[in-house]
Amino acid sequence: MTAPAILPHVEAIRAALAAVPLPVYLGGAPAGTALPKAFAVLYPGPGAASAASLADERTALDILLQVTCVATTPEGAIGTADRVRAALTPPLTVDGRACWRPEELGGPPLQRDDDVTPPLYHLPVQLRLRSIPD
């Protein structure tokens, strides 16, 4: 067996968030463009493949990720976090994989970013996603 791929899991997360609907960017918001009043930025980790059985085939995948919820108001960032959590509550659909429901890990508190004009509010939601071959 080959090591499990991370990208299909990231795309499943993006699809779940886009279905809310919520604009979602990967790795950062695009520079030099007008941004929506509320959006999410997905920061996936590299994941870790581990043994799914005693045969030591490294086919189980564990990914830590952060979805940073961004808005022009504190209430908007909190509401965006609520939408993210709701969208990522059911198990994700990844071809050839059985996914657990994403596990919420919490995250840092709401922060105001005064380095941009107008200021933006950020509320990170941290999650763990696990999957095995189905």
Protein backbone atom coordinates (compact mmCIF):
# COMPACT_ATOMS: atom_id res chain seq x y z
CA MET A 1 0.00 0.00 0.00
CA THR A 2 1.05 3.56 -0.59
CA ALA A 3 1.09 6.29 2.03
CA PRO A 4 -2.23 8.14 2.34
CA ALA A 5 -2.46 11.43 0.47
CA ILE A 6 -3.15 14.66 2.35
CA LEU A 7 -4.48 16.74 -0.56
CA PRO A 8 -7.76 14.82 -1.03
CA HIS A 9 -8.51 15.44 2.66
CA VAL A 10 -7.73 19.15 2.31
CA GLU A 11 -10.00 19.35 -0.74
CA ALA A 12 -12.80 17.61 1.20
CA ILE A 13 -12.48 20.22 3.95
CA ARG A 14 -12.53 23.04 1.41
CA ALA A 15 -15.63 21.55 -0.23
CA ALA A 16 -17.43 21.24 3.13
CA LEU A 17 -16.68 24.89 3.95
CA ALA A 18 -17.62 26.11 0.46
CA ALA A 19 -20.97 24.32 0.81
CA VAL A 20 -21.92 26.43 3.87
CA PRO A 21 -21.32 28.72 1.77
CA LEU A 22 -18.16 30.30 3.12
CA PRO A 23 -15.25 31.70 1.11
CA VAL A 24 -12.18 29.66 2.05
CA TYR A 25 -8.55 30.22 1.13
CA LEU A 26 -5.65 27.82 1.51
CA GLY A 27 -2.56 29.02 3.36
CA GLY A 28 -3.54 32.70 3.49
CA ALA A 29 -5.86 35.28 2.00
CA PRO A 30 -4.87 36.56 -1.45
CA ALA A 31 -3.02 39.87 -1.41
CA GLY A 32 -4.15 42.85 -3.42
CA THR A 33 -7.77 41.78 -3.84
CA ALA A 34 -10.95 42.89 -2.15
CA LEU A 35 -11.82 40.33 0.51
CA PRO A 36 -15.31 39.40 1.67
CA LYS A 37 -16.55 40.65 5.06
CA ALA A 38 -16.16 37.14 6.47
CA PHE A 39 -14.02 34.25 5.27
CA ALA A 40 -11.92 31.32 6.44
CA VAL A 41 -8.28 30.43 5.86
CA LEU A 42 -7.31 26.77 6.00
CA TYR A 43 -3.87 25.86 7.38
CA PRO A 44 -3.38 22.08 7.16
CA GLY A 45 -0.48 20.32 8.79
CA PRO A 46 1.64 17.71 7.00
CA GLY A 47 -0.26 14.82 8.54
CA ALA A 48 1.21 11.62 9.89
CA ALA A 49 0.77 8.13 8.47
CA SER A 50 0.63 5.36 11.04
CA ALA A 51 -0.06 1.65 11.19
CA ALA A 52 -3.72 0.81 10.73
CA SER A 53 -3.20 -2.80 11.86
CA LEU A 54 -0.61 -5.17 13.31
CA ALA A 55 0.66 -5.71 9.75
CA ASP A 56 2.35 -2.27 10.15
CA GLU A 57 1.01 -0.97 6.84
CA ARG A 58 1.18 2.81 7.25
CA THR A 59 -2.28 3.56 5.88
CA ALA A 60 -3.98 5.44 8.74
CA LEU A 61 -3.75 9.23 8.42
CA ASP A 62 -3.91 11.82 11.20
CA ILE A 63 -3.97 15.50 10.18
CA LEU A 64 -3.93 18.53 12.46
CA LEU A 65 -5.35 21.63 10.86
CA GLN A 66 -6.44 25.13 11.68
CA VAL A 67 -9.27 27.07 10.13
CA THR A 68 -8.81 30.74 10.92
CA CYS A 69 -12.13 32.54 10.85
CA VAL A 70 -11.75 36.17 9.75
CA ALA A 71 -14.29 39.00 9.73
CA THR A 72 -14.60 42.76 10.01
CA THR A 73 -16.32 42.49 13.42
CA PRO A 74 -15.81 40.29 16.48
CA GLU A 75 -19.35 38.92 16.08
CA GLY A 76 -18.62 38.12 12.44
CA ALA A 77 -15.51 36.11 13.36
CA ILE A 78 -17.42 34.20 16.05
CA GLY A 79 -20.31 33.55 13.66
CA THR A 80 -17.86 32.34 11.02
CA ALA A 81 -16.34 29.95 13.57
CA ASP A 82 -19.83 28.62 14.30
CA ARG A 83 -20.36 28.01 10.56
CA VAL A 84 -16.99 26.26 10.26
CA ARG A 85 -17.69 23.99 13.22
CA ALA A 86 -21.14 23.12 11.84
CA ALA A 87 -19.74 22.39 8.36
CA LEU A 88 -17.00 20.15 9.76
CA THR A 89 -19.15 18.24 12.27
CA PRO A 90 -20.13 15.37 9.93
CA PRO A 91 -17.46 12.97 8.65
CA LEU A 92 -15.79 14.14 5.45
CA THR A 93 -16.06 12.22 2.21
CA VAL A 94 -12.70 11.22 0.74
CA ASP A 95 -12.61 8.62 -2.06
CA GLY A 96 -11.21 5.31 -0.84
CA ARG A 97 -11.04 6.47 2.80
CA ALA A 98 -13.22 6.13 5.89
CA CYS A 99 -13.03 9.35 7.89
CA TRP A 100 -13.80 9.92 11.54
CA ARG A 101 -15.75 13.03 12.42
CA PRO A 102 -13.25 15.88 12.81
CA GLU A 103 -12.24 16.25 16.45
CA GLU A 104 -12.34 19.79 17.83
CA LEU A 105 -9.17 20.78 19.66
CA GLY A 106 -10.14 24.34 20.60
CA GLY A 107 -7.75 27.11 19.66
CA PRO A 108 -6.46 30.51 20.69
CA PRO A 109 -8.89 33.30 21.60
CA LEU A 110 -10.31 35.97 19.33
CA GLN A 111 -7.70 38.51 18.22
CA ARG A 112 -7.90 41.90 16.53
CA ASP A 113 -5.44 42.60 13.71
CA ASP A 114 -4.61 46.31 13.62
CA ASP A 115 -1.93 45.83 10.95
CA VAL A 116 -4.64 46.09 8.28
CA THR A 117 -7.13 48.88 7.58
CA PRO A 118 -9.87 48.46 8.54
CA PRO A 119 -8.91 46.07 11.37
CA LEU A 120 -9.90 42.42 11.05
CA TYR A 121 -10.79 39.89 13.74
CA HIS A 122 -9.33 36.36 13.73
CA LEU A 123 -10.66 33.33 15.57
CA PRO A 124 -8.73 30.08 14.92
CA VAL A 125 -10.54 26.73 15.11
CA GLN A 126 -8.14 23.79 15.48
CA LEU A 127 -9.15 20.26 14.47
CA ARG A 128 -7.80 16.74 14.05
CA LEU A 129 -8.91 14.62 11.12
CA ARG A 130 -8.33 10.84 10.99
CA SER A 131 -8.93 8.40 8.20
CA ILE A 132 -8.19 4.82 7.16
CA PRO A 133 -8.67 2.95 3.89
CA ASP A 134 -12.27 1.81 3.51
